Each structure stands twice: as structure tokens, then as C-alpha cells.
Protein backbone atom coordinates (compact mmCIF):
# COMPACT_ATOMS: atom_id res chain seq x y z
CA MET A 1 7.60 47.39 3.82
CA TYR A 2 10.60 46.69 1.58
CA MET A 3 9.98 49.55 -0.89
CA ASP A 4 13.01 51.58 0.30
CA LEU A 5 15.35 48.56 0.34
CA ASN A 6 17.40 47.20 -2.46
CA ASN A 7 17.19 43.56 -3.50
CA THR A 8 20.17 42.47 -1.39
CA GLU A 9 18.78 44.05 1.79
CA ALA A 10 15.29 42.65 1.14
CA GLU A 11 16.67 39.15 0.59
CA ALA A 12 18.69 39.41 3.81
CA ILE A 13 15.56 40.32 5.77
CA ALA A 14 13.56 37.56 4.11
CA MET A 15 16.18 35.01 5.20
CA LEU A 16 15.87 35.92 8.88
CA PRO A 17 14.93 32.84 10.93
CA VAL A 18 11.47 32.89 12.50
CA VAL A 19 10.24 30.63 15.28
CA SER A 20 6.78 30.28 16.80
CA VAL A 21 6.54 29.61 20.54
CA SER A 22 3.83 29.63 23.16
CA LYS A 23 3.13 32.72 25.26
CA GLN A 24 4.62 31.08 28.36
CA THR A 25 7.81 30.18 26.50
CA GLY A 26 8.01 33.73 25.14
CA LEU A 27 7.81 35.19 28.65
CA GLU A 28 10.56 32.83 29.80
CA LEU A 29 12.75 33.84 26.87
CA GLU A 30 12.14 37.51 27.56
CA GLU A 31 13.10 37.06 31.21
CA ALA A 32 16.25 35.17 30.22
CA ALA A 33 17.21 37.93 27.77
CA GLN A 34 16.91 40.53 30.53
CA GLN A 35 19.46 38.51 32.51
CA ASN A 36 21.91 38.68 29.58
CA ALA A 37 21.44 35.03 28.72
CA THR A 38 22.44 33.86 25.27
CA ILE A 39 19.51 32.67 23.20
CA ALA A 40 20.16 30.72 20.01
CA LEU A 41 18.04 28.84 17.50
CA TRP A 42 18.93 25.24 16.73
CA MET A 43 17.30 23.06 14.12
CA PRO A 44 18.07 19.35 14.33
CA TYR A 45 18.51 17.32 11.17
CA TYR A 46 15.34 15.54 10.19
CA SER A 47 15.34 12.73 7.68
CA SER A 48 12.38 12.52 5.34
CA PHE A 49 12.56 8.71 5.57
CA ASP A 50 10.85 6.70 8.28
CA PHE A 51 10.89 2.94 8.75
CA ASN A 52 7.10 2.93 8.97
CA VAL A 53 7.16 2.78 5.14
CA ILE A 54 9.11 -0.48 5.28
CA LEU A 55 6.77 -1.93 7.91
CA LEU A 56 3.67 -1.10 5.89
CA TRP A 57 5.30 -2.56 2.76
CA VAL A 58 6.08 -5.80 4.61
CA MET A 59 2.56 -5.85 6.06
CA ALA A 60 0.98 -5.47 2.62
CA ILE A 61 3.20 -8.14 1.04
CA GLY A 62 2.54 -10.51 3.95
CA THR A 63 -1.22 -10.00 3.63
CA PHE A 64 -0.99 -10.59 -0.13
CA ILE A 65 0.89 -13.87 0.38
CA LEU A 66 -1.32 -15.06 3.26
CA ALA A 67 -4.55 -14.31 1.43
CA GLY A 68 -3.25 -15.75 -1.84
CA ILE A 69 -2.18 -19.06 -0.31
CA TRP A 70 -5.19 -19.41 1.98
CA ALA A 71 -7.85 -18.38 -0.53
CA GLY A 72 -6.15 -20.25 -3.36
CA ASN A 73 -6.03 -23.44 -1.34
CA ASP A 74 -9.68 -22.98 -0.38
CA SER A 75 -10.73 -22.47 -3.99
CA PHE A 76 -8.73 -25.42 -5.31
CA GLY A 77 -9.76 -27.70 -2.45
CA THR A 78 -13.44 -26.90 -2.83
CA GLU A 79 -13.46 -27.39 -6.60
CA HIS A 80 -11.39 -30.58 -6.32
CA SER A 81 -13.72 -32.02 -3.68
CA TYR A 82 -16.74 -31.02 -5.75
CA LEU A 83 -15.40 -32.85 -8.80
CA GLN A 84 -14.67 -35.92 -6.69
CA ALA A 85 -18.19 -35.85 -5.28
CA GLN A 86 -19.65 -35.64 -8.79
CA ASP A 87 -17.65 -38.72 -9.82
CA ASP A 88 -18.77 -40.59 -6.70
CA SER A 89 -22.15 -42.16 -7.33
CA GLU A 90 -22.80 -42.31 -3.60
CA GLY A 91 -21.45 -38.83 -2.85
CA ASP A 92 -23.61 -35.81 -2.30
CA ALA A 93 -22.23 -33.25 -4.75
CA SER A 94 -24.39 -30.45 -3.38
CA LYS A 95 -22.49 -30.29 -0.10
CA TRP A 96 -19.31 -29.42 -2.00
CA GLN A 97 -20.80 -26.43 -3.85
CA VAL A 98 -18.37 -23.54 -4.09
CA GLU A 99 -19.41 -20.91 -1.56
CA SER A 100 -17.22 -18.16 -2.99
CA GLN A 101 -18.70 -15.64 -5.39
CA THR A 102 -17.34 -15.49 -8.94
CA ILE A 103 -16.68 -12.03 -10.36
CA THR A 104 -17.93 -11.61 -13.93
CA GLN A 105 -16.88 -9.02 -16.49
CA GLY A 106 -20.11 -7.13 -15.89
CA GLY A 107 -19.52 -7.35 -12.16
CA ALA A 108 -16.05 -5.87 -12.63
CA VAL A 109 -17.51 -2.83 -14.41
CA ALA A 110 -20.30 -2.51 -11.83
CA PHE A 111 -17.74 -2.63 -9.03
CA LEU A 112 -15.91 0.43 -10.35
CA VAL A 113 -19.20 2.31 -10.81
CA ILE A 114 -20.27 1.49 -7.24
CA ALA A 115 -16.83 2.40 -5.91
CA SER A 116 -17.01 5.81 -7.60
CA GLY A 117 -20.49 6.39 -6.25
CA SER A 118 -19.36 5.42 -2.75
CA LEU A 119 -16.46 7.88 -2.98
CA LEU A 120 -18.79 10.72 -3.90
CA LEU A 121 -21.24 9.72 -1.18
CA LEU A 122 -18.50 9.81 1.45
CA TYR A 123 -17.11 13.07 0.09
CA PHE A 124 -20.40 14.98 0.21
CA PHE A 125 -22.20 13.36 3.14
CA LEU A 126 -19.49 12.33 5.60
CA ASP A 127 -20.85 13.69 8.89
CA THR A 128 -21.12 12.39 12.44
CA ALA A 129 -24.15 10.17 11.78
CA PHE A 130 -22.66 8.71 8.61
CA TYR A 131 -19.37 8.15 10.42
CA VAL A 132 -21.11 6.23 13.22
CA ILE A 133 -22.93 4.04 10.69
CA LEU A 134 -19.67 3.41 8.85
CA MET A 135 -17.91 2.43 12.06
CA GLY A 136 -20.76 0.07 12.94
CA VAL A 137 -20.65 -1.67 9.57
CA PHE A 138 -16.87 -1.99 9.76
CA SER A 139 -17.06 -3.39 13.30
CA LEU A 140 -19.58 -6.06 12.33
CA GLY A 141 -17.49 -7.09 9.35
CA ALA A 142 -14.33 -7.09 11.46
CA VAL A 143 -15.89 -9.41 14.05
CA GLN A 144 -16.88 -11.89 11.34
CA ALA A 145 -13.51 -11.65 9.57
CA LEU A 146 -11.38 -12.04 12.69
CA ALA A 147 -13.54 -14.94 13.92
CA ALA A 148 -13.05 -16.69 10.57
CA ALA A 149 -9.30 -16.08 10.72
CA LEU A 150 -9.08 -17.45 14.27
CA THR A 151 -11.21 -20.53 13.59
CA PRO A 152 -8.32 -22.85 12.57
CA LEU A 153 -6.34 -21.93 15.69
CA CYS A 154 -9.35 -22.29 17.98
CA SER A 155 -10.23 -25.64 16.35
CA TRP A 156 -6.72 -26.84 17.11
CA LEU A 157 -7.00 -25.68 20.73
CA LEU A 158 -10.48 -27.15 21.28
CA PRO A 159 -10.85 -30.13 18.94
CA HIS A 160 -14.14 -32.02 18.91
CA GLN A 161 -15.54 -30.10 21.89
CA THR A 162 -19.07 -28.79 21.91
CA LEU A 163 -21.23 -26.71 24.23
CA HIS A 164 -24.84 -27.57 24.97
CA PRO A 165 -26.86 -24.40 25.57
CA PRO A 166 -30.70 -24.51 25.37
CA ILE A 167 -30.62 -23.53 21.70
CA GLY A 168 -28.65 -26.65 20.73
CA GLN A 169 -25.07 -27.82 20.26
CA ILE A 170 -22.44 -25.18 19.46
CA PRO A 171 -18.78 -25.99 18.67
CA ALA A 172 -16.57 -24.71 21.45
CA HIS A 173 -14.04 -23.32 18.98
CA ALA A 174 -16.74 -21.16 17.37
CA VAL A 175 -17.63 -19.65 20.75
CA LEU A 176 -13.96 -19.01 21.54
CA SER A 177 -13.17 -17.37 18.18
CA LEU A 178 -16.31 -15.22 18.35
CA GLY A 179 -15.59 -14.16 21.93
CA VAL A 180 -12.01 -13.17 21.14
CA SER A 181 -13.15 -11.28 18.04
CA LEU A 182 -15.82 -9.36 19.95
CA GLY A 183 -13.29 -8.46 22.62
CA VAL A 184 -10.67 -7.22 20.14
CA VAL A 185 -13.19 -5.10 18.23
CA ALA A 186 -14.61 -3.68 21.46
CA VAL A 187 -11.14 -2.71 22.69
CA TRP A 188 -10.37 -1.07 19.34
CA LEU A 189 -13.63 0.89 19.37
CA VAL A 190 -12.99 2.25 22.86
CA PHE A 191 -9.30 3.05 22.40
CA ARG A 192 -9.17 3.71 18.63
CA SER A 193 -7.70 7.20 19.22
CA SER A 194 -4.82 5.84 21.32
CA ALA A 195 -1.28 5.78 19.96
CA TRP A 196 -1.19 1.96 19.90
CA ALA A 197 -4.67 1.41 18.38
CA TRP A 198 -3.22 1.18 14.86
CA LEU A 199 -2.05 -2.35 15.71
CA LEU A 200 -5.61 -3.54 16.28
CA GLN A 201 -6.93 -1.59 13.30
CA ASP A 202 -4.38 -3.23 11.01
CA LEU A 203 -5.15 -6.66 12.49
CA LEU A 204 -8.85 -6.16 11.77
CA GLY A 205 -8.10 -4.76 8.33
CA ILE A 206 -5.91 -7.69 7.36
CA SER A 207 -8.60 -10.09 8.57
CA LEU A 208 -11.19 -8.33 6.40
CA ILE A 209 -8.93 -8.42 3.34
CA VAL A 210 -8.29 -12.14 3.77
CA MET A 211 -12.01 -12.85 4.25
CA VAL A 212 -13.00 -10.90 1.12
CA LEU A 213 -10.37 -12.65 -0.98
CA ARG A 214 -11.62 -16.01 0.30
CA GLN A 215 -15.20 -15.12 -0.69
CA PHE A 216 -14.63 -13.61 -4.14
CA ARG A 217 -12.56 -15.03 -6.96
CA LEU A 218 -11.74 -14.52 -10.62
CA PRO A 219 -13.02 -17.29 -12.92
CA ASP A 220 -10.39 -16.67 -15.60
CA ILE A 221 -7.71 -14.24 -16.69
CA LYS A 222 -10.13 -12.42 -19.02
CA VAL A 223 -12.01 -10.94 -16.07
CA ALA A 224 -8.69 -9.87 -14.53
CA CYS A 225 -7.86 -8.09 -17.80
CA VAL A 226 -11.07 -6.10 -17.40
CA LEU A 227 -11.04 -5.44 -13.66
CA LEU A 228 -7.41 -4.45 -13.12
CA PRO A 229 -7.01 -1.98 -16.05
CA LEU A 230 -10.33 -0.36 -15.10
CA SER A 231 -9.05 -0.07 -11.52
CA PHE A 232 -5.86 1.48 -12.91
CA PHE A 233 -7.77 4.22 -14.72
CA TYR A 234 -10.18 4.60 -11.79
CA ASP A 235 -7.26 5.44 -9.50
CA ILE A 236 -5.69 7.82 -12.02
CA PHE A 237 -8.97 9.65 -12.55
CA TRP A 238 -9.82 10.27 -8.90
CA VAL A 239 -6.24 11.13 -7.87
CA PHE A 240 -5.04 13.22 -10.83
CA ILE A 241 -7.70 14.00 -13.46
CA GLN A 242 -10.66 14.87 -11.21
CA PRO A 243 -8.76 17.59 -9.24
CA TYR A 244 -7.58 19.06 -12.57
CA LEU A 245 -11.14 19.15 -13.95
CA THR A 246 -12.76 20.56 -10.80
CA HIS A 247 -9.83 22.77 -9.71
CA GLY A 248 -10.24 21.39 -6.21
CA ASP A 249 -9.12 18.64 -3.89
CA SER A 250 -8.90 15.01 -4.90
CA VAL A 251 -12.07 13.25 -3.78
CA MET A 252 -10.17 10.03 -3.12
CA VAL A 253 -7.42 11.67 -1.05
CA LYS A 254 -9.97 13.78 0.84
CA VAL A 255 -12.03 10.73 1.78
CA ALA A 256 -8.94 8.67 2.70
CA THR A 257 -7.78 11.41 5.10
CA GLY A 258 -11.18 11.72 6.79
CA GLY A 259 -12.61 14.80 5.09
CA ASP A 260 -12.73 18.23 6.69
CA GLN A 261 -13.33 16.69 10.13
CA HIS A 262 -10.31 14.38 9.69
CA TRP A 263 -12.29 11.34 10.82
CA GLN A 264 -10.14 8.28 11.38
CA LEU A 265 -11.72 6.04 8.76
CA PRO A 266 -10.85 2.36 9.32
CA MET A 267 -10.86 1.24 5.66
CA LEU A 268 -7.10 1.33 5.36
CA LEU A 269 -3.87 -0.05 6.77
CA MET A 270 -1.88 2.52 8.71
CA VAL A 271 1.50 2.73 10.42
CA PRO A 272 2.35 5.88 12.40
CA ALA A 273 5.67 7.67 12.22
CA PHE A 274 8.31 6.11 14.46
CA HIS A 275 10.12 9.39 15.11
CA LEU A 276 8.71 12.90 15.32
CA SER A 277 9.78 14.99 12.39
CA PRO A 278 8.18 17.73 10.30
CA ALA A 279 9.11 15.72 7.23
CA THR A 280 7.45 12.43 8.24
CA GLY A 281 4.01 11.25 9.25
CA PRO A 282 1.79 8.16 9.22
CA VAL A 283 1.71 6.09 6.03
CA ILE A 284 -1.54 4.58 4.82
CA LEU A 285 -2.60 2.01 2.25
CA GLY A 286 -6.21 1.52 1.22
CA PHE A 287 -7.79 -1.92 1.32
CA GLY A 288 -8.30 -1.77 -2.45
CA ASP A 289 -4.55 -1.53 -3.01
CA VAL A 290 -4.27 -5.04 -1.55
CA LEU A 291 -7.64 -6.52 -2.51
CA LEU A 292 -7.60 -5.89 -6.26
CA PRO A 293 -4.06 -7.18 -6.93
CA GLY A 294 -4.84 -9.92 -4.39
CA LEU A 295 -7.61 -11.29 -6.63
CA LEU A 296 -4.99 -11.96 -9.30
CA GLY A 297 -2.74 -13.52 -6.67
CA VAL A 298 -5.49 -15.91 -5.58
CA TYR A 299 -6.19 -16.85 -9.18
CA SER A 300 -2.48 -17.49 -9.79
CA ARG A 301 -2.26 -19.67 -6.69
CA THR A 302 -5.32 -21.68 -7.72
CA PHE A 303 -3.88 -22.12 -11.22
CA ASP A 304 -0.60 -23.40 -9.77
CA LEU A 305 -2.39 -25.97 -7.62
CA TYR A 306 -4.72 -27.08 -10.40
CA HIS A 307 -1.79 -27.69 -12.78
CA ASN A 308 0.53 -29.00 -10.04
CA LEU A 309 3.24 -26.39 -10.75
CA ASP A 310 6.29 -26.25 -8.51
CA ILE A 311 7.93 -23.05 -7.26
CA TRP A 312 10.06 -22.68 -10.41
CA GLN A 313 7.05 -22.99 -12.70
CA SER A 314 4.70 -21.07 -10.42
CA TYR A 315 2.69 -18.05 -11.50
CA PHE A 316 1.87 -17.06 -7.93
CA TRP A 317 5.35 -16.13 -6.73
CA PRO A 318 6.17 -13.96 -9.76
CA THR A 319 2.85 -12.22 -9.03
CA VAL A 320 4.02 -11.62 -5.47
CA VAL A 321 7.31 -10.19 -6.72
CA GLY A 322 5.49 -7.95 -9.18
CA TYR A 323 3.19 -6.66 -6.46
CA ALA A 324 6.13 -6.01 -4.13
CA VAL A 325 8.02 -4.08 -6.80
CA GLY A 326 4.92 -2.11 -7.76
CA LEU A 327 4.26 -1.12 -4.19
CA MET A 328 7.88 -0.08 -3.76
CA LEU A 329 7.59 2.10 -6.87
CA THR A 330 4.57 3.71 -5.24
CA TYR A 331 6.60 4.72 -2.21
CA ILE A 332 9.44 5.97 -4.40
CA ALA A 333 6.96 8.14 -6.28
CA LEU A 334 5.61 9.50 -3.02
CA TRP A 335 9.18 10.12 -1.85
CA PHE A 336 9.57 12.50 -4.77
CA GLU A 337 6.12 13.96 -4.07
CA ILE A 338 4.70 12.98 -7.43
CA GLY A 339 1.16 12.63 -6.15
CA GLY A 340 -1.35 11.10 -3.78
CA SER A 341 -2.50 7.52 -3.35
CA GLN A 342 -1.02 5.56 -6.25
CA GLY A 343 -1.02 1.98 -5.03
CA LEU A 344 -3.18 0.65 -7.86
CA ASN A 345 -1.27 2.62 -10.50
CA TYR A 346 1.98 0.75 -9.87
CA CYS A 347 0.64 -2.59 -8.60
């Protein structure tokens, strides 16, 4: 087409503005042109920054702090009570057994292997049936997690009250927390495609993160030195190295964005764009980007309580600051379009 044109003329043609409109709009423009109307193109200024990044950052830091304090207090309180019961000749030590699961070094390695296998499973077999099963599992976990999170509030609202159904006595606060949780999850399932459903999804996601961090803990810093570096290389491999080796899409990014069908997978925190712009969109953060650093936060909080360290001697709050800075570096990297999901790399 441009064979008979010199470089200057070809560049001038290539710089012509082009706009895509609907057929109806095209007919209206054509009619306006026939009436000698002036038609001009206008492109508003769009910023590539959206405050949804700040909100997600605050949400992640808040979840990290909440889970660290809550789970750390649980872990310290349970161990402290267990030691007291062992020293008490009349106490029943068995009732104070720690219910949380301790992560071993072998468990840390197995976790990364299972996580990689789950990624591949989702990448190759994510279809409608698998999606429905995944949503069902998430919903059941979300009901349990939100009920556990609401239990202290419901206990405060309904102290020492019980119901007496035929099956036996049931604490009233347990019925209330379970009922509210079932209602919230049901509303989210029905309206999960609505513009406001991200609020409920993030609420359920935060509840799940807190519950997991209350159930699993690091026994010592040696396990953290195995789990976190392995997670670092796990993230680098699936985001950067695997696409280079296979000359294809990143398995992790593909799964996080819902595959070819663009399913709205619930295993992440999400905040939509606050203003429509070609340069902005929803920001997401996987549960693992909060859970794995959160394990170290819980351990730091437990260590502070065990050694009675104040805020100036604390290990927990420097861990919070480090996580906040790491997450901010992630967003700065994404701002310069360095790569895909990098939460674990910087945190």
C-alpha cells in the first residue's frame, strides 16, 4: 500500500488517528457530516494510577496485622495455658493441647510440590465442572472461616445463652455466627458477578486467611528459612522461568486470571478500578502473598509475647514494616510493567 510513498509520507499516514465506533454511531456521524457538522476526535487524559492499588495495599497490611496479632495471641495463650496445666497436679493438661498444626521442614517442601501440582491441575483441567467444585469447596471454607471470625462478636452479643433443640444444647452465639456466615456466602454466590460483589469476596477471603494462619504455625525460624526462600523461587519459576522455557503463557498468571474462560476464581483479594480508563483495571493479590509472609508474622508475634518484648524490642512490627515495603515494591514493579504476580518475590 505504501510502496509508492516515501518515508515521510508513509509516517504521516501511519500517524492518522483511528477510532472504532458502533454501526449506529457511525450512521449518526455520517448523517451529521452531511449536514456540515464539525466532527472532531478528543482523547481525555487518563492516568495510569488508580487508588484501588492503595486500598488493596491497606487491605493486605490490615489482614497481615489482624492475623498476626490474633493467631499469635492464640498460639501463645494455648501454649501458656498448656504449660500451666502441666504444672498443676489437679489440672487436665489434655484439654489444653495445641489445636494448630505445626509446619515441619518436610511439610514446607511438600507444600510447594502440592502447590505446583495444583497450578498445573487448574491450568489443564479448569472447566465448568471443575469450576463448580472449586466454588463449592471455597464456599464451605468461607462459611467456616467467617463463622469463626464472627464468634467473638456474637459471644459478646449473646453471652451465656443457649438454645435447646431436640439434638441437645447449642450456644446461641454459634447459631447466630453460622446463620450470618451462611447468609453472606449465599448472597455472594448469587450476586458474585455484580459490581459490588468484590466487597463480600474480599471479606470471605480475609476470613479464610485469618483462619488458616490461626490453624497453622511455624515451630521455629529454621522452618521459615526453608519455606519462604522456596516460595520465593516457586514464584519466580512460575512467573518468569516457566514461560521462557515453554515459550507460552505463565501458568500462574493464566490460572489467576481465570484461564481461557476468564472464570472469576475466588482465591484472591481483588479491588476493581475506581475510574474507567484504558490504562487501569482491577488489582488482585493471591492468598499466598498474604499467607506465607503471614506465617512469619504470627511466629514473630508469638515470640514477642513469649519473651515479653515491648513495641521497641518487638520483632512483629518490623516484620509488618518489611511486608508493607515489599508489597509496595511489588506495585512499583508492576507500575513499570516488569512482570506478573510478584508478591512473594518482594515480600
